Protein backbone atom coordinates (compact mmCIF):
# COMPACT_ATOMS: atom_id res chain seq x y z
CA MET A 1 32.92 -24.68 45.27
CA ALA A 2 30.15 -23.64 47.33
CA THR A 3 31.51 -19.83 47.50
CA SER A 4 31.73 -19.89 43.30
CA ILE A 5 27.76 -21.42 43.28
CA ASN A 6 26.64 -18.66 45.28
CA ALA A 7 28.76 -16.12 43.09
CA THR A 8 27.62 -17.99 39.81
CA GLU A 9 23.74 -17.53 41.16
CA GLN A 10 23.98 -13.97 41.90
CA ARG A 11 25.18 -13.31 38.67
CA ILE A 12 22.77 -15.40 36.95
CA GLU A 13 19.87 -13.44 39.10
CA LYS A 14 21.78 -10.07 38.49
CA ILE A 15 21.05 -10.92 34.65
CA VAL A 16 17.51 -11.68 35.00
CA GLY A 17 17.16 -9.03 37.09
CA VAL A 18 18.55 -6.29 35.03
CA PHE A 19 17.23 -7.99 31.40
CA SER A 20 14.12 -7.96 33.25
CA SER A 21 14.01 -4.62 33.77
CA TRP A 22 15.28 -3.29 30.60
CA LEU A 23 12.46 -5.01 29.05
CA ASN A 24 9.68 -3.27 31.58
CA VAL A 25 11.30 0.23 30.34
CA ILE A 26 10.68 -0.73 26.90
CA SER A 27 7.41 -1.46 27.73
CA ALA A 28 6.77 1.61 29.70
CA VAL A 29 7.85 3.67 26.92
CA TRP A 30 6.05 1.65 24.03
CA LEU A 31 3.11 2.60 26.98
CA ALA A 32 3.82 6.42 26.81
CA SER A 33 3.93 6.08 22.82
CA ILE A 34 0.42 5.07 23.01
CA ALA A 35 -0.69 7.11 24.85
CA LEU A 36 0.85 10.26 22.78
CA LEU A 37 -0.70 8.74 19.81
CA ILE A 38 -3.85 8.51 21.20
CA LEU A 39 -4.07 11.56 22.30
CA TYR A 40 -2.87 12.43 18.74
CA ASP A 41 -5.58 10.98 16.86
CA VAL A 42 -8.46 12.43 19.29
CA THR A 43 -7.07 15.54 18.76
CA GLY A 44 -6.54 15.60 15.15
CA ARG A 45 -10.39 14.16 14.94
CA GLU A 46 -11.71 16.39 16.62
CA PHE A 47 -9.93 19.20 16.05
CA PHE A 48 -8.92 18.91 12.15
CA ASP A 49 -11.25 16.37 10.61
CA ALA A 50 -7.74 14.14 10.24
CA PRO A 51 -7.47 11.41 12.52
CA PHE A 52 -3.92 8.94 12.56
CA HIS A 53 -5.81 6.17 10.56
CA GLY A 54 -4.28 2.85 12.01
CA THR A 55 -4.29 3.90 15.42
CA ASN A 56 -7.24 0.80 16.72
CA GLU A 57 -4.63 -1.88 15.19
CA ILE A 58 -1.70 -0.79 16.48
CA VAL A 59 -3.20 -0.24 19.76
CA SER A 60 -5.24 -3.16 19.93
CA ASN A 61 -1.55 -5.18 18.85
CA SER A 62 0.71 -3.00 21.96
CA VAL A 63 -2.07 -3.95 24.60
CA LEU A 64 -0.54 -7.51 23.84
CA SER A 65 2.94 -6.09 23.69
CA ILE A 66 3.04 -4.17 26.33
CA LEU A 67 1.78 -6.96 28.77
CA PHE A 68 3.84 -9.74 27.75
CA LEU A 69 7.17 -7.27 28.24
CA GLN A 70 6.20 -6.44 31.64
CA LEU A 71 5.35 -10.20 32.69
CA PRO A 72 9.53 -11.27 33.95
CA LEU A 73 9.72 -7.88 36.14
CA SER A 74 6.69 -8.94 37.43
CA ILE A 75 7.10 -12.46 38.18
CA LEU A 76 10.87 -11.75 39.50
CA SER A 77 9.22 -9.04 41.80
CA ARG A 78 6.64 -11.50 42.82
CA ASN A 79 3.80 -9.09 42.30
CA ALA A 80 1.18 -11.88 41.37
CA LEU A 81 -1.56 -12.12 42.86
CA ARG A 82 -1.34 -14.52 46.02
CA THR A 83 -4.22 -15.40 48.43
CA THR A 84 -2.29 -15.49 52.14
CA ILE A 85 -4.99 -17.04 53.85
CA PHE A 86 -3.17 -19.56 54.19
CA TYR A 87 0.56 -18.50 52.66
CA GLY A 88 0.92 -16.08 55.58
CA THR A 89 0.61 -19.36 58.29
CA VAL A 90 3.19 -21.37 57.83
CA SER A 91 6.92 -21.46 57.88
CA ALA A 92 9.15 -20.06 55.80
CA LYS A 93 10.39 -23.56 54.48
CA SER A 94 7.17 -24.25 53.45
CA LYS A 95 6.28 -20.90 52.18
CA GLY A 96 9.43 -21.89 49.37
CA TYR A 97 7.40 -25.02 49.03
CA ILE A 98 4.49 -23.46 47.79
CA ASP A 99 6.48 -20.87 46.16
CA ALA A 100 8.25 -23.39 44.15
CA VAL A 101 4.77 -24.94 43.14
CA SER A 102 2.90 -22.25 41.85
CA TYR A 103 6.70 -20.93 39.81
CA PHE A 104 6.35 -24.63 38.41
CA LEU A 105 2.64 -24.16 37.27
CA ALA A 106 3.44 -20.51 36.06
CA GLY A 107 6.41 -21.96 33.93
CA ILE A 108 4.63 -24.75 32.54
CA LEU A 109 1.67 -22.18 31.90
CA PHE A 110 4.52 -20.16 29.50
CA LEU A 111 5.83 -23.33 27.97
CA ALA A 112 2.35 -23.96 26.73
CA ILE A 113 2.08 -21.19 25.73
CA ALA A 114 5.47 -20.63 23.99
CA ILE A 115 4.83 -23.91 22.46
CA GLY A 116 1.30 -22.81 20.62
CA SER A 117 2.37 -19.63 19.54
CA TRP A 118 5.67 -21.21 17.45
CA ASP A 119 3.24 -22.67 15.04
CA ASN A 120 1.41 -19.03 14.74
CA MET A 121 4.56 -17.40 15.03
CA ILE A 122 6.29 -19.51 11.69
CA GLU A 123 3.32 -18.81 9.90
CA GLY A 124 3.10 -15.19 10.94
CA TRP A 125 6.55 -14.67 9.68
CA GLU A 126 6.26 -17.07 6.19
CA ILE A 127 3.86 -14.91 4.79
CA LEU A 128 3.95 -11.79 6.97
CA GLU A 129 0.48 -11.79 8.60
CA GLN A 130 -0.25 -8.49 8.67
CA GLU A 131 -3.83 -6.57 10.05
CA GLY A 132 -5.51 -3.94 9.50
CA SER A 133 -8.21 -2.10 7.35
CA GLY A 134 -6.86 -1.72 4.28
CA ILE A 135 -5.80 2.12 4.59
CA VAL A 136 -3.40 0.61 7.02
CA ASN A 137 -1.78 -2.88 7.45
CA ILE A 138 0.43 -3.39 10.48
CA PRO A 139 2.36 -6.36 11.03
CA VAL A 140 1.34 -9.18 13.14
CA TYR A 141 4.19 -11.99 13.29
CA PRO A 142 6.71 -9.57 15.86
CA ILE A 143 3.88 -9.90 18.37
CA ARG A 144 3.51 -12.84 18.09
CA THR A 145 7.26 -13.22 17.94
CA LEU A 146 7.54 -11.16 20.93
CA VAL A 147 4.67 -13.66 22.54
CA VAL A 148 7.01 -16.51 21.90
CA VAL A 149 10.15 -14.85 23.07
CA VAL A 150 8.93 -13.36 26.23
CA SER A 151 7.28 -16.67 26.87
CA ILE A 152 10.34 -18.32 27.67
CA ILE A 153 12.03 -16.07 29.06
CA SER A 154 9.30 -16.10 31.45
CA VAL A 155 10.43 -19.36 31.76
CA GLY A 156 13.84 -18.88 32.53
CA VAL A 157 12.18 -16.49 35.33
CA CYS A 158 9.91 -19.27 36.61
CA SER A 159 13.28 -22.00 36.85
CA LEU A 160 15.34 -19.45 38.72
CA LEU A 161 12.20 -18.24 40.98
CA ILE A 162 11.75 -22.30 41.84
CA TRP A 163 15.53 -22.83 42.91
CA HIS A 164 15.35 -20.14 45.05
CA SER A 165 12.48 -20.81 46.80
CA LEU A 166 14.18 -24.33 47.24
CA ALA A 167 17.59 -23.05 47.94
CA ARG A 168 16.83 -20.21 49.56
CA PRO A 169 13.80 -19.63 51.10
CA GLU A 170 14.17 -17.70 53.69
CA ASP A 171 15.02 -14.57 51.05
CA PHE A 172 11.14 -14.63 50.34
CA ASP A 173 9.73 -15.32 53.74
CA ASP A 174 8.12 -11.29 54.24
CA ASN A 175 7.84 -11.66 58.66
């Protein structure tokens, strides 16, 4: 029984890790695309008097998307900010409790973001919400959907880390 639970745990951790890594790859490709778009816009504006219309709207909507796509892997990798003054002085088990509380609070935050963004996402899809200056309009509803979906994924990652922090705190002990 313990072996199947351990195998199940490992499978879930692997799936979450691979999925989070893919979200991070998507964000990296998106970021590189935005960098090329900005380069194209600046070059076109300065040398050919032909900017890429809509660059501001695309970039402003992309920043939030890129950030949210990177969150699950950042949380899973334990790369969030932490004060180590107190944390470094406690035992592995105490670190597990501190981590569990931290991941619980983060999970609550992401759940609140998902719930709070749900109505705006639904409304965005109903009206096919767009943002733009008139020349170019960028659809916003996919970005709103991304925020909700990745927030829910982040709740799942936090839940996995809560379990891991309480069941195997020694895995996270840096000492």
